[in-house]
Amino acid sequence: MKRFTKTGLFLIIVFFIVIFLPCNIYSQDNVNNEEQLTSQDEVLIVQPSVCFISTFWSARVYDDNIEEWSKPYYYGPVCGTGFCVNSETGHIITAGHVVDIPYNTLKREILDQYILDKYPDDYYELSESDWDTIFIFFKVEGIQKSTPDREIFVQFNQAVASIPAEKDDKFIRAELIELSDRKNKDIAMIQIQPVTGKALSAAILADSSDVEILDPVKIIGYPWTSDIGQDNTLNTTVTSGTLSGNIIVAGNQLIQIQGDARPGNSGGPVLDSSGKVIGIITNATDFTNNYLRPSNDIKIVMGKITNKTGIIEEEWKTGLAMFRQKHYREAIKHFSNVLNLNQTHLLAQEYKAKAQKNISDDIPLIAEDSATDNEGTSEKSIAATSTTGITDFKESVKKEDKSISFLTIIFIVAGFILLAVLAAAIIIILKKMKINKKNIKNYNITEKEDSVITVEELKATRETNSEKGIKEFFCSNCGASVKENQPFCSQCGAKLNT
């Protein structure tokens, strides 16, 4: 029994080693390959989702003096920052005042251009009363409707604050989907159509109720500079700040931060330490005291629109992790996959070039014995991978997943077989033990039944009892000794006449 117990324990230990050791090794491999990202990387991951938004209005003026409509006059651009919240649907969040201006403001701006253009001699002589009259009697309408026509454009990476040319593919036309004006939450949601070869990146919204005073924050946006002009190129900038307070204005919460944000940052995301968006810039008292509309308010404006990222973020994130761990060859593969999805992903271009520059210091991600035999072959492999389409990449990922799953299935099946064999062995041994015990018990009973008294012993016993005066009774059928008044013989079962 002891020998069987030791054998069983040994088999159980072997089973757990066979089943779980490979899984633990694979799990450890995953830990080593986890995305070890810095706080700087958290910003780099979000940055491609940030965009420059410019809004233009156009309208015609009806002049009662000449009884005709004028040519279209433009107002804008009104510019700000936004960020994508769903890479598949192309939904973008920005500040409401970046895409919306009160009609009276637009009307005055358009009339100002028209009067200067049509009546230049009188323009500088007009009084406030004259302007009030002009405002009342001159009509300002769009071509399509009674209010001025609005056009919203989105630019990623580098941007310019100018009216787009007819075939300028840097400008992506957007549609206004939801708007909470400046008097309310000052949040707008617009939508663009994703374009082939320009896959969108997205940012994830945090729970703004979890923020605390003195939390560090990062501000991303397209701030205006003192010499900004329509031909100057704008780039995203990143500045640091600190969460300094929470206030309520007109029934709405505002998060106060200390950080450098300027005109043009309006609508831009502000990130927490994990790289999630806690709010957008809405207004400021100066360049360092700024206020955010919380991310929880953004979720309300989004409604049923899902906030999620896509494959391009996973590739970009993995590439950065490989780059930080000096797996430059692997990083190049992932950066190439990003560029296959979006050829204008400037950060992927930049870090791919950095990885190629440091290729001599590459730390292989796999064991040396499974690596390429010579450097030349390896370089060719990287070049081939760098030019492979995203379809090939997906197929390789699927094959790897299938091989891992197949290996796991093999171990699980082997484990069940081992358990079945072990269970069968236990059942057989227990049955044998039970049979042996039964045989021993039957054997002892038989020995007792076979133990009978001989005739000589019975005769001697009777003579002794007679001499002592002991009265005895016997069965008339078999002669066995019975007790007085016993109804049946215990030996043969015959009826006794006692």
Protein backbone atom coordinates (compact mmCIF):
# COMPACT_ATOMS: atom_id res chain seq x y z
CA MET A 1 0.00 0.00 0.00
CA LYS A 2 2.80 2.40 0.91
CA ARG A 3 4.58 1.55 -2.31
CA PHE A 4 1.41 2.30 -4.29
CA THR A 5 0.95 5.66 -2.50
CA LYS A 6 4.47 6.78 -3.34
CA THR A 7 4.03 5.75 -6.95
CA GLY A 8 0.73 7.66 -7.17
CA LEU A 9 2.22 10.82 -5.70
CA PHE A 10 5.15 10.58 -8.08
CA LEU A 11 2.83 10.28 -11.09
CA ILE A 12 0.73 13.24 -9.90
CA ILE A 13 3.86 15.42 -9.54
CA VAL A 14 5.01 14.39 -13.03
CA PHE A 15 1.57 15.28 -14.40
CA PHE A 16 1.63 18.82 -12.98
CA ILE A 17 5.16 19.35 -14.24
CA VAL A 18 4.22 18.21 -17.75
CA ILE A 19 1.05 20.32 -17.89
CA PHE A 20 1.98 23.55 -16.14
CA LEU A 21 5.73 23.94 -16.59
CA PRO A 22 5.49 24.75 -20.34
CA CYS A 23 2.68 27.23 -19.57
CA ASN A 24 4.78 28.88 -16.89
CA ILE A 25 7.72 29.12 -19.23
CA TYR A 26 5.54 30.68 -21.92
CA SER A 27 4.00 33.01 -19.35
CA GLN A 28 7.44 34.10 -18.22
CA ASP A 29 8.32 34.71 -21.82
CA ASN A 30 5.34 37.01 -22.09
CA VAL A 31 6.40 38.88 -18.98
CA ASN A 32 9.84 39.44 -20.44
CA ASN A 33 8.29 40.61 -23.67
CA GLU A 34 5.65 42.82 -22.05
CA GLU A 35 5.51 46.35 -23.30
CA GLN A 36 8.00 48.02 -21.00
CA LEU A 37 7.07 51.58 -21.80
CA THR A 38 8.26 54.83 -20.28
CA SER A 39 6.09 57.83 -19.39
CA GLN A 40 7.47 59.42 -22.55
CA ASP A 41 6.17 56.45 -24.56
CA GLU A 42 2.68 56.88 -23.11
CA VAL A 43 2.60 60.31 -24.76
CA LEU A 44 4.10 59.03 -28.01
CA ILE A 45 1.35 56.42 -28.25
CA VAL A 46 -1.40 59.06 -28.02
CA GLN A 47 0.28 61.73 -30.14
CA PRO A 48 -0.66 60.28 -33.58
CA SER A 49 -4.35 60.51 -32.64
CA VAL A 50 -4.11 64.29 -32.11
CA CYS A 51 -5.15 66.52 -35.01
CA PHE A 52 -5.40 70.17 -36.04
CA ILE A 53 -8.94 71.42 -36.66
CA SER A 54 -9.80 74.49 -38.70
CA THR A 55 -13.32 75.82 -39.26
CA PHE A 56 -14.42 78.24 -41.99
CA TRP A 57 -17.70 80.01 -42.59
CA SER A 58 -18.92 81.47 -45.86
CA ALA A 59 -21.95 83.65 -46.60
CA ARG A 60 -23.42 86.06 -49.15
CA VAL A 61 -24.70 89.54 -48.37
CA TYR A 62 -27.98 90.89 -49.77
CA ASP A 63 -27.68 94.64 -50.29
CA ASP A 64 -30.99 96.57 -50.46
CA ASN A 65 -29.23 99.50 -52.14
CA ILE A 66 -28.45 97.50 -55.25
CA GLU A 67 -31.01 94.71 -54.66
CA GLU A 68 -28.65 91.84 -55.33
CA TRP A 69 -26.59 89.17 -53.56
CA SER A 70 -22.86 89.57 -53.23
CA LYS A 71 -20.16 87.01 -53.86
CA PRO A 72 -19.39 84.64 -50.94
CA TYR A 73 -17.29 86.10 -48.12
CA TYR A 74 -15.28 83.89 -45.79
CA TYR A 75 -14.65 84.08 -42.08
CA GLY A 76 -11.94 82.02 -40.46
CA PRO A 77 -10.12 79.95 -39.85
CA VAL A 78 -11.05 79.34 -36.25
CA CYS A 79 -8.46 76.77 -35.21
CA GLY A 80 -7.92 74.36 -32.38
CA THR A 81 -6.89 70.84 -31.48
CA GLY A 82 -8.78 67.58 -31.38
CA PHE A 83 -8.14 63.85 -31.01
CA CYS A 84 -9.67 60.67 -32.41
CA VAL A 85 -11.65 58.47 -30.01
CA ASN A 86 -12.52 55.63 -32.41
CA SER A 87 -10.08 54.69 -35.16
CA GLU A 88 -12.65 52.62 -37.07
CA THR A 89 -15.48 55.15 -37.25
CA GLY A 90 -13.33 58.31 -37.40
CA HIS A 91 -15.03 60.15 -34.52
CA ILE A 92 -13.02 63.08 -33.15
CA ILE A 93 -13.49 65.18 -30.01
CA THR A 94 -12.66 68.90 -29.76
CA ALA A 95 -13.85 72.00 -27.93
CA GLY A 96 -17.26 73.33 -28.96
CA HIS A 97 -15.99 76.85 -29.63
CA VAL A 98 -13.50 75.50 -32.21
CA VAL A 99 -16.34 74.57 -34.56
CA ASP A 100 -19.15 76.87 -33.45
CA ILE A 101 -19.53 80.67 -33.37
CA PRO A 102 -22.76 82.59 -32.58
CA TYR A 103 -24.63 83.75 -35.68
CA ASN A 104 -24.55 87.43 -34.70
CA THR A 105 -20.77 87.33 -34.43
CA LEU A 106 -20.49 85.75 -37.88
CA LYS A 107 -22.92 88.25 -39.39
CA ARG A 108 -20.96 91.23 -38.11
CA GLU A 109 -17.67 89.76 -39.37
CA ILE A 110 -19.07 89.09 -42.85
CA LEU A 111 -20.73 92.52 -43.07
CA ASP A 112 -17.47 94.16 -42.04
CA GLN A 113 -15.72 92.55 -45.05
CA TYR A 114 -18.56 93.41 -47.42
CA ILE A 115 -18.83 97.12 -46.49
CA LEU A 116 -15.06 97.55 -46.69
CA ASP A 117 -15.06 95.91 -50.09
CA LYS A 118 -18.18 97.60 -51.51
CA TYR A 119 -18.10 101.00 -49.79
CA PRO A 120 -14.45 101.71 -48.97
CA ASP A 121 -14.89 105.50 -48.91
CA ASP A 122 -17.62 105.35 -46.29
CA TYR A 123 -16.20 102.48 -44.23
CA TYR A 124 -14.04 104.53 -41.86
CA GLU A 125 -16.75 107.18 -41.37
CA LEU A 126 -19.45 104.85 -40.11
CA SER A 127 -20.76 105.38 -36.59
CA GLU A 128 -22.07 102.73 -34.21
CA SER A 129 -25.57 103.78 -35.14
CA ASP A 130 -24.74 103.23 -38.83
CA TRP A 131 -23.43 99.78 -38.07
CA ASP A 132 -26.58 98.95 -36.16
CA THR A 133 -28.65 99.95 -39.18
CA ILE A 134 -26.48 97.87 -41.52
CA PHE A 135 -26.78 94.90 -39.21
CA ILE A 136 -30.60 95.15 -39.24
CA PHE A 137 -31.25 95.73 -42.93
CA PHE A 138 -28.52 93.70 -44.64
CA LYS A 139 -29.08 89.96 -44.95
CA VAL A 140 -26.24 87.46 -44.45
CA GLU A 141 -26.99 83.91 -45.57
CA GLY A 142 -25.22 80.84 -46.79
CA ILE A 143 -25.66 79.34 -50.23
CA GLN A 144 -27.34 76.22 -48.89
CA LYS A 145 -29.32 77.69 -45.98
CA SER A 146 -30.25 80.88 -44.16
CA THR A 147 -27.27 80.71 -41.79
CA PRO A 148 -23.66 80.93 -42.99
CA ASP A 149 -22.25 77.70 -44.41
CA ARG A 150 -19.72 75.92 -42.21
CA GLU A 151 -16.79 73.78 -43.33
CA ILE A 152 -14.62 71.82 -40.89
CA PHE A 153 -11.25 70.40 -41.87
CA VAL A 154 -8.90 68.05 -40.03
CA GLN A 155 -5.14 67.71 -40.49
CA PHE A 156 -2.85 65.17 -38.83
CA ASN A 157 0.89 65.56 -38.18
CA GLN A 158 2.01 68.89 -39.65
CA ALA A 159 -0.73 71.44 -40.36
CA VAL A 160 -1.32 74.88 -41.84
CA ALA A 161 -4.00 77.41 -40.92
CA SER A 162 -5.12 78.23 -44.43
CA ILE A 163 -8.10 77.64 -46.68
CA PRO A 164 -7.48 74.24 -48.32
CA ALA A 165 -6.84 73.95 -52.01
CA GLU A 166 -9.28 71.90 -54.05
CA LYS A 167 -7.08 68.79 -54.25
CA ASP A 168 -5.05 69.06 -51.06
CA ASP A 169 -5.31 65.60 -49.46
CA LYS A 170 -3.80 66.87 -46.18
CA PHE A 171 -7.15 68.46 -45.40
CA ILE A 172 -9.82 65.93 -44.45
CA ARG A 173 -13.36 67.24 -44.50
CA ALA A 174 -15.31 66.61 -41.27
CA GLU A 175 -18.98 66.59 -40.33
CA LEU A 176 -20.34 68.00 -37.08
CA ILE A 177 -22.13 65.18 -35.21
CA GLU A 178 -22.76 66.46 -31.68
CA LEU A 179 -22.35 69.88 -30.09
CA SER A 180 -22.58 71.22 -26.56
CA ASP A 181 -21.92 74.94 -26.94
CA ARG A 182 -19.69 77.13 -24.81
CA LYS A 183 -22.50 78.01 -22.42
CA ASN A 184 -22.88 74.31 -21.55
CA LYS A 185 -20.08 71.74 -21.74
CA ASP A 186 -18.18 73.28 -24.70
CA ILE A 187 -17.56 69.89 -26.31
CA ALA A 188 -18.05 68.92 -29.95
CA MET A 189 -17.83 65.58 -31.74
CA ILE A 190 -17.01 65.56 -35.43
CA GLN A 191 -16.46 62.67 -37.83
CA ILE A 192 -14.15 62.01 -40.76
CA GLN A 193 -14.00 59.09 -43.14
CA PRO A 194 -10.91 56.90 -42.65
CA VAL A 195 -8.84 56.77 -45.84
CA THR A 196 -6.97 53.74 -47.18
CA GLY A 197 -3.29 54.02 -46.39
CA LYS A 198 -4.01 56.54 -43.61
CA ALA A 199 -5.37 54.40 -40.80
CA LEU A 200 -6.36 56.47 -37.79
CA SER A 201 -4.96 56.23 -34.29
CA ALA A 202 -7.14 56.79 -31.23
CA ALA A 203 -6.79 57.78 -27.56
CA ILE A 204 -8.54 56.24 -24.56
CA LEU A 205 -10.61 58.30 -22.13
CA ALA A 206 -9.93 57.98 -18.40
CA ASP A 207 -12.44 58.17 -15.56
CA SER A 208 -12.08 61.84 -14.60
CA SER A 209 -13.64 61.19 -11.18
CA ASP A 210 -10.42 59.39 -10.19
CA VAL A 211 -8.11 62.40 -10.63
CA GLU A 212 -6.52 64.01 -7.59
CA ILE A 213 -4.90 67.33 -6.80
CA LEU A 214 -1.17 67.43 -7.70
CA ASP A 215 -1.50 64.63 -10.26
CA PRO A 216 1.01 65.18 -13.09
CA VAL A 217 -0.49 65.82 -16.54
CA LYS A 218 0.69 66.15 -20.15
CA ILE A 219 -0.83 68.68 -22.58
CA ILE A 220 -0.80 67.92 -26.33
CA GLY A 221 -1.89 70.38 -28.99
CA TYR A 222 -1.20 72.87 -31.77
CA PRO A 223 -0.57 76.18 -29.97
CA TRP A 224 -0.41 79.40 -31.94
CA THR A 225 2.80 81.37 -31.85
CA SER A 226 3.31 85.13 -31.99
CA ASP A 227 4.32 85.05 -35.66
CA ILE A 228 1.74 82.56 -36.84
CA GLY A 229 0.47 83.00 -40.34
CA GLN A 230 -1.46 81.04 -42.91
CA ASP A 231 1.71 79.75 -44.54
CA ASN A 232 3.50 78.69 -41.35
CA THR A 233 3.65 75.00 -40.52
CA LEU A 234 2.30 73.87 -37.15
CA ASN A 235 3.38 70.77 -35.25
CA THR A 236 2.07 69.12 -32.13
CA THR A 237 3.77 70.17 -28.91
CA VAL A 238 3.81 68.44 -25.52
CA THR A 239 4.08 70.31 -22.22
CA SER A 240 3.88 69.18 -18.60
CA GLY A 241 1.61 70.44 -15.85
CA THR A 242 -0.08 69.64 -12.57
CA LEU A 243 -3.70 69.24 -11.63
CA SER A 244 -4.41 72.08 -9.22
CA GLY A 245 -8.15 72.10 -8.50
CA ASN A 246 -11.78 71.42 -9.33
CA ILE A 247 -14.39 74.14 -9.76
CA ILE A 248 -18.05 74.39 -10.79
CA VAL A 249 -19.07 76.96 -13.40
CA ALA A 250 -22.73 77.30 -14.47
CA GLY A 251 -23.43 73.86 -13.03
CA ASN A 252 -20.61 72.17 -14.93
CA GLN A 253 -17.39 70.81 -13.49
CA LEU A 254 -14.06 72.21 -14.64
CA ILE A 255 -10.66 70.72 -13.82
CA GLN A 256 -8.02 73.35 -13.20
CA ILE A 257 -4.43 72.66 -14.17
CA GLN A 258 -1.15 74.54 -13.96
CA GLY A 259 0.59 74.11 -17.30
CA ASP A 260 1.61 75.91 -20.46
CA ALA A 261 -1.33 75.93 -22.89
CA ARG A 262 -2.00 78.69 -25.45
CA PRO A 263 -4.62 79.61 -28.05
CA GLY A 264 -4.73 76.68 -30.46
CA ASN A 265 -4.56 74.14 -27.61
CA SER A 266 -8.35 74.44 -27.23
CA GLY A 267 -9.93 71.00 -27.57
CA GLY A 268 -6.59 69.26 -27.15
CA PRO A 269 -6.24 66.22 -24.86
CA VAL A 270 -4.67 66.38 -21.41
CA LEU A 271 -3.24 63.02 -20.27
CA ASP A 272 -2.74 61.41 -16.90
CA SER A 273 0.39 59.42 -15.99
CA SER A 274 -0.95 56.30 -17.73
CA GLY A 275 -1.49 58.11 -21.04
CA LYS A 276 -5.30 58.30 -20.82
CA VAL A 277 -7.28 61.48 -21.50
CA ILE A 278 -8.69 63.14 -18.37
CA GLY A 279 -10.12 66.15 -20.23
CA ILE A 280 -9.75 68.76 -22.99
CA ILE A 281 -8.58 72.38 -22.82
CA THR A 282 -11.63 74.67 -22.85
CA ASN A 283 -10.49 78.10 -21.63
CA ALA A 284 -7.83 79.88 -19.60
CA THR A 285 -7.18 82.90 -17.42
CA ASP A 286 -3.58 83.10 -18.66
CA PHE A 287 -0.98 80.80 -20.24
CA THR A 288 -0.46 78.80 -17.03
CA ASN A 289 -3.95 78.68 -15.46
CA ASN A 290 -6.04 76.51 -17.74
CA TYR A 291 -9.34 74.68 -17.41
CA LEU A 292 -10.45 71.30 -18.71
CA ARG A 293 -13.79 69.81 -19.61
CA PRO A 294 -13.62 66.40 -17.85
CA SER A 295 -13.46 63.15 -19.81
CA ASN A 296 -16.68 61.94 -18.16
CA ASP A 297 -18.49 64.87 -19.82
CA ILE A 298 -16.92 63.85 -23.13
CA LYS A 299 -18.38 60.35 -22.70
CA ILE A 300 -21.84 61.90 -22.29
CA VAL A 301 -21.48 63.84 -25.57
CA MET A 302 -20.21 60.69 -27.33
CA GLY A 303 -23.36 58.80 -26.42
CA LYS A 304 -23.30 55.33 -27.95
CA ILE A 305 -20.03 55.85 -29.83
CA THR A 306 -17.47 53.34 -28.55
CA ASN A 307 -14.11 54.63 -27.39
CA LYS A 308 -11.51 52.16 -28.65
CA THR A 309 -8.17 51.79 -30.39
CA GLY A 310 -7.19 49.54 -33.30
CA ILE A 311 -4.38 47.38 -34.65
CA ILE A 312 -2.22 50.36 -35.55
CA GLU A 313 -1.92 51.34 -31.87
CA GLU A 314 -0.96 47.78 -30.92
CA GLU A 315 1.76 47.70 -33.56
CA TRP A 316 3.04 51.14 -32.62
CA LYS A 317 3.04 50.26 -28.91
CA THR A 318 4.81 46.93 -29.47
CA GLY A 319 7.40 48.60 -31.70
CA LEU A 320 8.18 51.14 -28.99
CA ALA A 321 8.49 48.37 -26.38
CA MET A 322 10.92 46.45 -28.61
CA PHE A 323 12.87 49.64 -29.25
CA ARG A 324 13.22 50.39 -25.53
CA GLN A 325 14.48 46.84 -24.89
CA LYS A 326 16.99 47.21 -27.76
CA HIS A 327 15.30 44.53 -29.87
CA TYR A 328 15.86 46.81 -32.86
CA ARG A 329 15.20 44.18 -35.54
CA GLU A 330 11.82 43.35 -34.02
CA ALA A 331 11.06 47.04 -33.58
CA ILE A 332 11.71 47.64 -37.28
CA LYS A 333 9.16 44.94 -38.16
CA HIS A 334 6.45 46.57 -36.07
CA PHE A 335 7.25 50.10 -37.25
CA SER A 336 7.03 48.82 -40.83
CA ASN A 337 3.61 47.34 -40.08
CA VAL A 338 2.50 50.74 -38.77
CA LEU A 339 3.67 52.42 -41.95
CA ASN A 340 1.86 49.83 -44.05
CA LEU A 341 -1.32 50.97 -42.32
CA ASN A 342 -0.51 54.69 -42.39
CA GLN A 343 2.26 55.97 -44.64
CA THR A 344 2.07 59.40 -42.99
CA HIS A 345 2.78 58.15 -39.46
CA LEU A 346 5.75 60.47 -38.83
CA LEU A 347 6.69 58.99 -35.46
CA ALA A 348 6.88 55.47 -36.90
CA GLN A 349 9.15 56.81 -39.64
CA GLU A 350 11.33 58.55 -37.06
CA TYR A 351 11.72 55.57 -34.74
CA LYS A 352 12.23 53.12 -37.59
CA ALA A 353 15.18 55.26 -38.70
CA LYS A 354 16.51 55.28 -35.12
CA ALA A 355 16.22 51.49 -34.91
CA GLN A 356 18.06 51.04 -38.21
CA LYS A 357 20.79 53.36 -36.96
CA ASN A 358 21.28 51.21 -33.83
CA ILE A 359 20.94 47.84 -35.56
CA SER A 360 24.54 46.89 -34.64
CA ASP A 361 23.55 46.97 -30.95
CA ASP A 362 20.52 44.77 -31.46
CA ILE A 363 19.70 42.27 -28.72
CA PRO A 364 18.07 39.24 -30.40
CA LEU A 365 14.58 38.50 -29.20
CA ILE A 366 15.06 34.74 -29.82
CA ALA A 367 17.83 32.30 -28.84
CA GLU A 368 21.12 32.51 -30.73
CA ASP A 369 20.92 28.93 -32.02
CA SER A 370 17.62 29.69 -33.72
CA ALA A 371 18.81 33.00 -35.12
CA THR A 372 19.96 33.51 -38.70
CA ASP A 373 23.28 31.88 -39.56
CA ASN A 374 24.91 34.98 -40.94
CA GLU A 375 24.44 38.73 -40.73
CA GLY A 376 23.77 39.14 -44.43
CA THR A 377 20.82 36.75 -44.39
CA SER A 378 19.44 38.51 -41.33
CA GLU A 379 19.64 41.92 -43.01
CA LYS A 380 17.77 40.55 -46.02
CA SER A 381 15.12 39.10 -43.73
CA ILE A 382 14.60 42.48 -42.08
CA ALA A 383 14.40 44.25 -45.41
CA ALA A 384 11.83 41.72 -46.62
CA THR A 385 9.80 42.07 -43.47
CA SER A 386 9.94 45.86 -43.69
CA THR A 387 8.30 45.75 -47.10
CA THR A 388 5.73 43.09 -46.25
CA GLY A 389 2.09 44.12 -46.32
CA ILE A 390 -0.11 44.10 -43.29
CA THR A 391 -1.86 40.99 -44.63
CA ASP A 392 1.35 38.97 -44.33
CA PHE A 393 1.82 40.31 -40.85
CA LYS A 394 -1.63 39.17 -39.79
CA GLU A 395 -1.02 35.73 -41.26
CA SER A 396 2.25 35.35 -39.32
CA VAL A 397 0.49 36.33 -36.10
CA LYS A 398 -2.25 33.79 -36.78
CA LYS A 399 0.30 31.03 -37.46
CA GLU A 400 2.14 31.80 -34.24
CA ASP A 401 -1.10 31.77 -32.27
CA LYS A 402 -2.09 28.45 -33.88
CA SER A 403 1.27 26.84 -33.02
CA ILE A 404 0.95 27.98 -29.40
CA SER A 405 -2.62 26.70 -29.21
CA PHE A 406 -1.64 23.36 -30.78
CA LEU A 407 1.19 22.91 -28.27
CA THR A 408 -1.18 23.70 -25.41
CA ILE A 409 -3.70 21.16 -26.70
CA ILE A 410 -0.99 18.48 -26.86
CA PHE A 411 -0.03 19.05 -23.23
CA ILE A 412 -3.66 19.04 -22.10
CA VAL A 413 -4.44 15.80 -23.97
CA ALA A 414 -1.29 14.17 -22.59
CA GLY A 415 -2.32 15.23 -19.11
CA PHE A 416 -5.79 13.73 -19.44
CA ILE A 417 -4.34 10.46 -20.77
CA LEU A 418 -1.94 10.31 -17.84
CA LEU A 419 -4.78 10.97 -15.40
CA ALA A 420 -6.89 8.26 -17.05
CA VAL A 421 -4.05 5.72 -16.80
CA LEU A 422 -3.46 6.68 -13.19
CA ALA A 423 -7.17 6.35 -12.37
CA ALA A 424 -7.38 2.96 -14.11
CA ALA A 425 -4.35 1.71 -12.17
CA ILE A 426 -5.89 2.85 -8.88
CA ILE A 427 -9.19 1.09 -9.68
CA ILE A 428 -7.45 -2.18 -10.62
CA ILE A 429 -5.30 -2.18 -7.49
CA LEU A 430 -8.29 -1.44 -5.24
CA LYS A 431 -10.28 -4.27 -6.84
CA LYS A 432 -7.42 -6.71 -6.27
CA MET A 433 -7.15 -5.65 -2.64
CA LYS A 434 -10.89 -6.17 -2.18
CA ILE A 435 -10.80 -9.65 -3.73
CA ASN A 436 -7.89 -10.72 -1.52
CA LYS A 437 -9.71 -9.58 1.62
CA LYS A 438 -12.84 -11.52 0.60
CA ASN A 439 -10.86 -14.70 -0.02
CA ILE A 440 -9.19 -14.47 3.37
CA LYS A 441 -12.55 -14.03 5.10
CA ASN A 442 -14.15 -17.02 3.32
CA TYR A 443 -11.13 -19.16 4.04
CA ASN A 444 -11.43 -18.54 7.80
CA ILE A 445 -15.15 -19.44 7.79
CA THR A 446 -14.50 -22.71 5.94
CA GLU A 447 -11.84 -23.74 8.43
CA LYS A 448 -14.25 -23.22 11.30
CA GLU A 449 -17.06 -25.21 9.64
CA ASP A 450 -14.73 -28.12 8.78
CA SER A 451 -13.71 -28.48 12.43
CA VAL A 452 -16.02 -31.49 13.56
CA ILE A 453 -15.99 -33.81 16.66
CA THR A 454 -15.05 -37.47 16.08
CA VAL A 455 -17.16 -40.41 17.26
CA GLU A 456 -14.59 -41.43 19.88
CA GLU A 457 -14.51 -37.84 21.27
CA LEU A 458 -18.33 -37.71 21.38
CA LYS A 459 -18.52 -41.14 23.19
CA ALA A 460 -15.90 -40.09 25.77
CA THR A 461 -17.77 -36.83 26.41
CA ARG A 462 -21.04 -38.67 26.97
CA GLU A 463 -19.47 -41.17 29.41
CA THR A 464 -17.93 -38.32 31.39
CA ASN A 465 -21.22 -36.47 31.59
CA SER A 466 -23.03 -39.68 32.69
CA GLU A 467 -20.56 -40.24 35.50
CA LYS A 468 -21.06 -36.68 36.68
CA GLY A 469 -24.84 -37.04 36.58
CA ILE A 470 -25.30 -34.54 33.83
CA LYS A 471 -28.48 -35.27 31.88
CA GLU A 472 -28.01 -35.04 28.11
CA PHE A 473 -30.36 -34.91 25.17
CA PHE A 474 -29.65 -36.11 21.65
CA CYS A 475 -31.24 -35.82 18.20
CA SER A 476 -33.00 -39.04 17.25
CA ASN A 477 -32.15 -38.43 13.62
CA CYS A 478 -28.42 -37.60 13.62
CA GLY A 479 -27.44 -38.18 17.29
CA ALA A 480 -26.14 -34.65 17.78
CA SER A 481 -26.22 -33.15 21.27
CA VAL A 482 -29.14 -30.78 21.83
CA LYS A 483 -30.50 -28.72 24.71
CA GLU A 484 -33.57 -29.51 26.73
CA ASN A 485 -36.78 -28.26 25.12
CA GLN A 486 -34.87 -27.33 21.89
CA PRO A 487 -37.45 -27.56 19.06
CA PHE A 488 -35.14 -28.34 16.15
CA CYS A 489 -31.73 -29.93 15.77
CA SER A 490 -29.05 -27.36 15.03
CA GLN A 491 -27.07 -30.01 13.13
CA CYS A 492 -29.64 -31.57 10.76
CA GLY A 493 -32.74 -29.45 11.32
CA ALA A 494 -34.96 -32.37 12.36
CA LYS A 495 -37.99 -31.81 14.69
CA LEU A 496 -37.08 -32.88 18.24
CA ASN A 497 -39.39 -34.70 20.60
CA THR A 498 -38.22 -33.28 23.91
